[in-house]
Amino acid sequence: MPARTFTHTVRVIYAHTDQMSVVYYGRYFEFIEAARNELLRECGFTYKELESLGIMLPVVSAHLDYFAPARYDDEIEIHTHIEKLEHVRVTIAYTAFEKSSRQKLFSGYTIHAFVNKNGKPSRPPQAFLEKVA
């Protein structure tokens, strides 16, 4: 079990669903982005702070496995943790459950590169490493 797991809750609104009345698969990437933002905020180092230091965190890989559909008005609990932090990359893992039933909905990860404003790979700032350690 990771040392620090963070939970972010999203309630499904009607606009998130497709014609089959389930959450459209692409929306889950918006949900994990929100969870990732909150993970960084809980660690004490937001995207805004990284960017103020000239560091960006673009996604270089994203993967989700879907196990069950989420539906309108469901509350989705997304458990997020930093899985791996190496040289110029960070891997963030996600597992989501429907809050009331505990049904597992999806799991996956995103890999991000630390880059400077010119898009060149860069080491993460020391202050960032200290906060997420």
N, C-alpha and C. Protein backbone atom coordinates (compact mmCIF):
# COMPACT_ATOMS: atom_id res chain seq x y z
N MET A 1 0.85 -1.18 0.00
CA MET A 1 0.00 0.00 0.00
C MET A 1 0.89 1.24 0.00
N PRO A 2 0.58 2.20 -0.87
CA PRO A 2 1.39 3.42 -0.90
C PRO A 2 1.32 4.17 0.43
N ALA A 3 2.38 4.90 0.71
CA ALA A 3 2.45 5.65 1.97
C ALA A 3 1.37 6.72 2.06
N ARG A 4 1.07 7.40 0.97
CA ARG A 4 0.09 8.49 0.99
C ARG A 4 -0.90 8.30 -0.14
N THR A 5 -2.12 7.94 0.21
CA THR A 5 -3.20 7.84 -0.77
C THR A 5 -4.20 8.94 -0.47
N PHE A 6 -4.65 9.60 -1.50
CA PHE A 6 -5.60 10.69 -1.36
C PHE A 6 -6.90 10.30 -2.04
N THR A 7 -8.00 10.80 -1.50
CA THR A 7 -9.31 10.49 -2.05
C THR A 7 -9.99 11.76 -2.52
N HIS A 8 -10.53 11.69 -3.73
CA HIS A 8 -11.28 12.80 -4.30
C HIS A 8 -12.63 12.24 -4.74
N THR A 9 -13.71 12.96 -4.42
CA THR A 9 -15.05 12.50 -4.77
C THR A 9 -15.65 13.39 -5.85
N VAL A 10 -16.26 12.74 -6.84
CA VAL A 10 -16.94 13.42 -7.94
C VAL A 10 -18.36 12.89 -8.00
N ARG A 11 -19.33 13.77 -8.13
CA ARG A 11 -20.71 13.33 -8.35
C ARG A 11 -21.00 13.43 -9.84
N VAL A 12 -21.54 12.37 -10.42
CA VAL A 12 -21.84 12.33 -11.85
C VAL A 12 -23.05 13.23 -12.12
N ILE A 13 -22.87 14.17 -13.03
CA ILE A 13 -23.98 15.00 -13.47
C ILE A 13 -24.50 14.46 -14.80
N TYR A 14 -25.68 14.89 -15.17
CA TYR A 14 -26.32 14.37 -16.39
C TYR A 14 -25.43 14.57 -17.62
N ALA A 15 -24.74 15.70 -17.70
CA ALA A 15 -23.90 16.01 -18.86
C ALA A 15 -22.72 15.04 -19.00
N HIS A 16 -22.39 14.31 -17.95
CA HIS A 16 -21.30 13.33 -18.03
C HIS A 16 -21.72 12.03 -18.71
N THR A 17 -23.03 11.82 -18.87
CA THR A 17 -23.52 10.53 -19.36
C THR A 17 -23.76 10.54 -20.86
N ASP A 18 -23.77 9.35 -21.44
CA ASP A 18 -24.01 9.20 -22.87
C ASP A 18 -25.43 8.67 -23.11
N GLN A 19 -25.72 8.29 -24.33
CA GLN A 19 -27.05 7.82 -24.69
C GLN A 19 -27.45 6.54 -23.94
N MET A 20 -26.46 5.81 -23.43
CA MET A 20 -26.75 4.58 -22.69
C MET A 20 -26.93 4.85 -21.20
N SER A 21 -26.94 6.12 -20.82
CA SER A 21 -27.13 6.57 -19.43
C SER A 21 -25.98 6.19 -18.51
N VAL A 22 -24.81 6.01 -19.08
CA VAL A 22 -23.62 5.75 -18.28
C VAL A 22 -22.60 6.85 -18.58
N VAL A 23 -21.62 6.99 -17.70
CA VAL A 23 -20.60 8.01 -17.90
C VAL A 23 -19.81 7.67 -19.17
N TYR A 24 -19.71 8.65 -20.04
CA TYR A 24 -18.92 8.52 -21.27
C TYR A 24 -17.46 8.28 -20.88
N TYR A 25 -16.81 7.31 -21.53
CA TYR A 25 -15.47 6.87 -21.10
C TYR A 25 -14.44 8.00 -21.03
N GLY A 26 -14.53 8.97 -21.92
CA GLY A 26 -13.56 10.06 -21.92
C GLY A 26 -13.66 10.97 -20.70
N ARG A 27 -14.83 11.00 -20.09
CA ARG A 27 -15.02 11.84 -18.90
C ARG A 27 -14.16 11.38 -17.73
N TYR A 28 -13.86 10.09 -17.68
CA TYR A 28 -13.05 9.57 -16.58
C TYR A 28 -11.67 10.25 -16.55
N PHE A 29 -11.17 10.65 -17.71
CA PHE A 29 -9.89 11.35 -17.74
C PHE A 29 -10.01 12.74 -17.11
N GLU A 30 -11.18 13.37 -17.24
CA GLU A 30 -11.42 14.63 -16.55
C GLU A 30 -11.48 14.40 -15.04
N PHE A 31 -12.11 13.30 -14.64
CA PHE A 31 -12.22 12.98 -13.22
C PHE A 31 -10.84 12.74 -12.60
N ILE A 32 -9.98 12.00 -13.33
CA ILE A 32 -8.65 11.74 -12.75
C ILE A 32 -7.79 12.99 -12.76
N GLU A 33 -8.04 13.89 -13.71
CA GLU A 33 -7.30 15.15 -13.68
C GLU A 33 -7.66 15.95 -12.43
N ALA A 34 -8.94 15.97 -12.10
CA ALA A 34 -9.37 16.66 -10.87
C ALA A 34 -8.73 16.01 -9.66
N ALA A 35 -8.72 14.67 -9.63
CA ALA A 35 -8.11 13.95 -8.51
C ALA A 35 -6.62 14.23 -8.41
N ARG A 36 -5.95 14.31 -9.56
CA ARG A 36 -4.50 14.60 -9.58
C ARG A 36 -4.23 16.01 -9.05
N ASN A 37 -5.04 16.97 -9.45
CA ASN A 37 -4.90 18.33 -8.93
C ASN A 37 -5.03 18.35 -7.43
N GLU A 38 -5.99 17.62 -6.90
CA GLU A 38 -6.21 17.60 -5.46
C GLU A 38 -5.10 16.84 -4.74
N LEU A 39 -4.57 15.80 -5.36
CA LEU A 39 -3.42 15.09 -4.78
C LEU A 39 -2.27 16.06 -4.59
N LEU A 40 -1.95 16.84 -5.63
CA LEU A 40 -0.85 17.80 -5.52
C LEU A 40 -1.14 18.86 -4.47
N ARG A 41 -2.39 19.32 -4.43
CA ARG A 41 -2.77 20.33 -3.44
C ARG A 41 -2.59 19.76 -2.03
N GLU A 42 -3.02 18.50 -1.82
CA GLU A 42 -2.89 17.87 -0.50
C GLU A 42 -1.42 17.66 -0.12
N CYS A 43 -0.58 17.44 -1.12
CA CYS A 43 0.86 17.31 -0.86
C CYS A 43 1.49 18.66 -0.52
N GLY A 44 0.77 19.74 -0.82
CA GLY A 44 1.29 21.06 -0.51
C GLY A 44 2.04 21.71 -1.65
N PHE A 45 1.81 21.22 -2.89
CA PHE A 45 2.52 21.80 -4.03
C PHE A 45 1.62 21.72 -5.26
N THR A 46 0.96 22.81 -5.60
CA THR A 46 -0.02 22.81 -6.68
C THR A 46 0.64 22.95 -8.05
N TYR A 47 -0.14 22.68 -9.09
CA TYR A 47 0.33 22.91 -10.46
C TYR A 47 0.76 24.37 -10.62
N LYS A 48 -0.01 25.25 -10.05
CA LYS A 48 0.28 26.68 -10.16
C LYS A 48 1.67 27.00 -9.60
N GLU A 49 2.01 26.38 -8.47
CA GLU A 49 3.34 26.61 -7.88
C GLU A 49 4.44 26.03 -8.77
N LEU A 50 4.21 24.85 -9.34
CA LEU A 50 5.20 24.28 -10.26
C LEU A 50 5.43 25.22 -11.44
N GLU A 51 4.32 25.68 -12.01
CA GLU A 51 4.42 26.57 -13.17
C GLU A 51 5.11 27.88 -12.82
N SER A 52 4.94 28.37 -11.60
CA SER A 52 5.61 29.61 -11.20
C SER A 52 7.13 29.41 -11.14
N LEU A 53 7.56 28.14 -10.99
CA LEU A 53 8.99 27.82 -11.00
C LEU A 53 9.48 27.44 -12.40
N GLY A 54 8.60 27.60 -13.39
CA GLY A 54 8.98 27.31 -14.78
C GLY A 54 8.90 25.84 -15.14
N ILE A 55 8.18 25.05 -14.36
CA ILE A 55 8.06 23.61 -14.62
C ILE A 55 6.63 23.28 -15.01
N MET A 56 6.49 22.50 -16.08
CA MET A 56 5.19 22.00 -16.53
C MET A 56 5.17 20.48 -16.34
N LEU A 57 3.98 19.91 -16.29
CA LEU A 57 3.83 18.46 -16.09
C LEU A 57 2.90 17.86 -17.14
N PRO A 58 3.30 17.85 -18.41
CA PRO A 58 2.41 17.28 -19.42
C PRO A 58 2.26 15.76 -19.25
N VAL A 59 1.09 15.28 -19.63
CA VAL A 59 0.84 13.84 -19.64
C VAL A 59 1.56 13.25 -20.85
N VAL A 60 2.36 12.22 -20.64
CA VAL A 60 3.03 11.54 -21.76
C VAL A 60 2.44 10.16 -22.00
N SER A 61 1.66 9.67 -21.03
CA SER A 61 0.97 8.39 -21.19
C SER A 61 -0.21 8.36 -20.23
N ALA A 62 -1.33 7.80 -20.69
CA ALA A 62 -2.51 7.67 -19.84
C ALA A 62 -3.19 6.35 -20.15
N HIS A 63 -3.57 5.65 -19.10
CA HIS A 63 -4.21 4.35 -19.28
C HIS A 63 -5.25 4.13 -18.20
N LEU A 64 -6.45 3.68 -18.62
CA LEU A 64 -7.49 3.29 -17.68
C LEU A 64 -8.09 1.96 -18.10
N ASP A 65 -8.35 1.10 -17.12
CA ASP A 65 -9.12 -0.13 -17.33
C ASP A 65 -10.46 0.09 -16.66
N TYR A 66 -11.53 -0.24 -17.39
CA TYR A 66 -12.89 -0.02 -16.91
C TYR A 66 -13.48 -1.35 -16.45
N PHE A 67 -14.10 -1.34 -15.26
CA PHE A 67 -14.67 -2.57 -14.70
C PHE A 67 -16.19 -2.54 -14.60
N ALA A 68 -16.76 -1.38 -14.35
CA ALA A 68 -18.21 -1.23 -14.23
C ALA A 68 -18.56 0.21 -14.57
N PRO A 69 -19.76 0.43 -15.08
CA PRO A 69 -20.14 1.80 -15.44
C PRO A 69 -20.59 2.63 -14.24
N ALA A 70 -20.31 3.90 -14.31
CA ALA A 70 -20.88 4.86 -13.37
C ALA A 70 -22.08 5.48 -14.06
N ARG A 71 -23.07 5.87 -13.26
CA ARG A 71 -24.31 6.39 -13.81
C ARG A 71 -24.64 7.75 -13.18
N TYR A 72 -25.61 8.41 -13.78
CA TYR A 72 -26.05 9.71 -13.29
C TYR A 72 -26.29 9.68 -11.79
N ASP A 73 -25.78 10.68 -11.10
CA ASP A 73 -25.92 10.95 -9.67
C ASP A 73 -25.08 10.03 -8.78
N ASP A 74 -24.32 9.11 -9.37
CA ASP A 74 -23.39 8.31 -8.56
C ASP A 74 -22.33 9.23 -7.99
N GLU A 75 -21.85 8.87 -6.81
CA GLU A 75 -20.67 9.51 -6.26
C GLU A 75 -19.50 8.57 -6.51
N ILE A 76 -18.46 9.10 -7.12
CA ILE A 76 -17.28 8.30 -7.45
C ILE A 76 -16.15 8.74 -6.53
N GLU A 77 -15.58 7.78 -5.82
CA GLU A 77 -14.42 8.02 -4.97
C GLU A 77 -13.19 7.59 -5.73
N ILE A 78 -12.28 8.52 -5.95
CA ILE A 78 -11.06 8.22 -6.69
C ILE A 78 -9.89 8.26 -5.71
N HIS A 79 -9.25 7.12 -5.56
CA HIS A 79 -8.07 7.00 -4.69
C HIS A 79 -6.84 7.18 -5.57
N THR A 80 -5.99 8.09 -5.17
CA THR A 80 -4.86 8.52 -5.99
C THR A 80 -3.58 8.50 -5.17
N HIS A 81 -2.51 8.05 -5.80
CA HIS A 81 -1.20 8.12 -5.13
C HIS A 81 -0.09 8.22 -6.16
N ILE A 82 1.04 8.76 -5.70
CA ILE A 82 2.23 8.79 -6.56
C ILE A 82 2.85 7.40 -6.50
N GLU A 83 2.87 6.76 -7.63
CA GLU A 83 3.37 5.39 -7.70
C GLU A 83 4.88 5.35 -7.89
N LYS A 84 5.37 6.28 -8.71
CA LYS A 84 6.80 6.28 -9.01
C LYS A 84 7.24 7.70 -9.32
N LEU A 85 8.37 8.09 -8.77
CA LEU A 85 8.95 9.40 -9.03
C LEU A 85 10.40 9.17 -9.39
N GLU A 86 10.73 9.39 -10.64
CA GLU A 86 12.09 9.13 -11.11
C GLU A 86 12.57 10.27 -11.99
N HIS A 87 13.82 10.52 -11.98
CA HIS A 87 14.53 11.55 -12.75
C HIS A 87 13.64 12.68 -13.24
N VAL A 88 12.98 12.51 -14.39
CA VAL A 88 12.18 13.59 -14.96
C VAL A 88 10.73 13.16 -15.18
N ARG A 89 10.31 12.06 -14.55
CA ARG A 89 8.94 11.56 -14.73
C ARG A 89 8.30 11.22 -13.39
N VAL A 90 6.98 11.32 -13.38
CA VAL A 90 6.21 10.89 -12.23
C VAL A 90 5.02 10.06 -12.74
N THR A 91 4.77 8.94 -12.08
CA THR A 91 3.62 8.10 -12.40
C THR A 91 2.61 8.23 -11.27
N ILE A 92 1.39 8.55 -11.63
CA ILE A 92 0.31 8.70 -10.65
C ILE A 92 -0.74 7.63 -10.94
N ALA A 93 -1.12 6.88 -9.90
CA ALA A 93 -2.07 5.79 -10.04
C ALA A 93 -3.44 6.19 -9.49
N TYR A 94 -4.47 5.59 -10.07
CA TYR A 94 -5.86 5.90 -9.71
C TYR A 94 -6.65 4.61 -9.60
N THR A 95 -7.51 4.53 -8.60
CA THR A 95 -8.50 3.47 -8.49
C THR A 95 -9.79 4.13 -8.03
N ALA A 96 -10.89 3.81 -8.71
CA ALA A 96 -12.16 4.48 -8.39
C ALA A 96 -13.24 3.47 -8.05
N PHE A 97 -14.10 3.89 -7.12
CA PHE A 97 -15.21 3.07 -6.65
C PHE A 97 -16.47 3.91 -6.63
N GLU A 98 -17.61 3.26 -6.85
CA GLU A 98 -18.89 3.92 -6.60
C GLU A 98 -19.00 3.97 -5.09
N LYS A 99 -19.25 5.15 -4.56
CA LYS A 99 -19.11 5.37 -3.12
C LYS A 99 -20.03 4.50 -2.26
N SER A 100 -21.29 4.39 -2.60
CA SER A 100 -22.21 3.67 -1.71
C SER A 100 -22.09 2.15 -1.82
N SER A 101 -21.87 1.63 -3.02
CA SER A 101 -21.80 0.16 -3.21
C SER A 101 -20.39 -0.39 -3.09
N ARG A 102 -19.40 0.48 -3.19
CA ARG A 102 -17.97 0.10 -3.20
C ARG A 102 -17.60 -0.70 -4.46
N GLN A 103 -18.44 -0.66 -5.48
CA GLN A 103 -18.16 -1.32 -6.77
C GLN A 103 -16.95 -0.64 -7.40
N LYS A 104 -15.97 -1.44 -7.77
CA LYS A 104 -14.79 -0.89 -8.45
C LYS A 104 -15.18 -0.50 -9.86
N LEU A 105 -14.89 0.75 -10.23
CA LEU A 105 -15.27 1.28 -11.53
C LEU A 105 -14.13 1.27 -12.54
N PHE A 106 -12.97 1.74 -12.11
CA PHE A 106 -11.82 1.77 -13.02
C PHE A 106 -10.53 1.88 -12.22
N SER A 107 -9.44 1.56 -12.88
CA SER A 107 -8.11 1.82 -12.33
C SER A 107 -7.18 2.12 -13.48
N GLY A 108 -6.09 2.80 -13.16
CA GLY A 108 -5.14 3.14 -14.20
C GLY A 108 -4.07 4.07 -13.69
N TYR A 109 -3.43 4.74 -14.62
CA TYR A 109 -2.31 5.61 -14.27
C TYR A 109 -2.11 6.66 -15.34
N THR A 110 -1.41 7.71 -14.97
CA THR A 110 -0.89 8.68 -15.93
C THR A 110 0.60 8.84 -15.65
N ILE A 111 1.36 9.05 -16.70
CA ILE A 111 2.78 9.34 -16.57
C ILE A 111 2.99 10.76 -17.08
N HIS A 112 3.70 11.55 -16.28
CA HIS A 112 3.95 12.95 -16.59
C HIS A 112 5.45 13.20 -16.66
N ALA A 113 5.84 14.08 -17.57
CA ALA A 113 7.24 14.49 -17.66
C ALA A 113 7.37 15.87 -17.04
N PHE A 114 8.42 16.08 -16.30
CA PHE A 114 8.76 17.42 -15.83
C PHE A 114 9.51 18.09 -16.97
N VAL A 115 8.98 19.21 -17.46
CA VAL A 115 9.65 19.94 -18.54
C VAL A 115 9.69 21.42 -18.20
N ASN A 116 10.68 22.11 -18.79
CA ASN A 116 10.73 23.56 -18.60
C ASN A 116 9.79 24.22 -19.60
N LYS A 117 9.73 25.54 -19.59
CA LYS A 117 8.78 26.25 -20.45
C LYS A 117 9.10 26.08 -21.94
N ASN A 118 10.29 25.61 -22.25
CA ASN A 118 10.67 25.35 -23.64
C ASN A 118 10.39 23.91 -24.04
N GLY A 119 9.81 23.14 -23.12
CA GLY A 119 9.49 21.75 -23.42
C GLY A 119 10.63 20.77 -23.24
N LYS A 120 11.72 21.23 -22.68
CA LYS A 120 12.88 20.36 -22.46
C LYS A 120 12.76 19.66 -21.11
N PRO A 121 13.12 18.37 -21.05
CA PRO A 121 13.06 17.64 -19.77
C PRO A 121 13.84 18.36 -18.68
N SER A 122 13.29 18.33 -17.49
CA SER A 122 13.89 19.02 -16.36
C SER A 122 13.68 18.20 -15.10
N ARG A 123 14.60 18.29 -14.19
CA ARG A 123 14.42 17.61 -12.90
C ARG A 123 13.33 18.33 -12.11
N PRO A 124 12.58 17.61 -11.30
CA PRO A 124 11.59 18.29 -10.46
C PRO A 124 12.29 19.20 -9.45
N PRO A 125 11.66 20.30 -9.11
CA PRO A 125 12.25 21.21 -8.12
C PRO A 125 12.44 20.49 -6.77
N GLN A 126 13.50 20.82 -6.07
CA GLN A 126 13.78 20.21 -4.76
C GLN A 126 12.62 20.43 -3.80
N ALA A 127 12.02 21.61 -3.83
CA ALA A 127 10.90 21.90 -2.94
C ALA A 127 9.72 20.95 -3.21
N PHE A 128 9.51 20.61 -4.48
CA PHE A 128 8.45 19.66 -4.83
C PHE A 128 8.78 18.28 -4.26
N LEU A 129 10.01 17.84 -4.44
CA LEU A 129 10.42 16.53 -3.95
C LEU A 129 10.25 16.42 -2.43
N GLU A 130 10.57 17.49 -1.73
CA GLU A 130 10.43 17.50 -0.27
C GLU A 130 8.96 17.40 0.14
N LYS A 131 8.08 18.06 -0.60
CA LYS A 131 6.66 18.05 -0.23
C LYS A 131 5.99 16.71 -0.51
N VAL A 132 6.37 16.05 -1.59
CA VAL A 132 5.70 14.78 -1.93
C VAL A 132 6.37 13.58 -1.32
N ALA A 133 7.52 13.77 -0.69
CA ALA A 133 8.25 12.63 -0.10
C ALA A 133 7.45 11.99 1.03
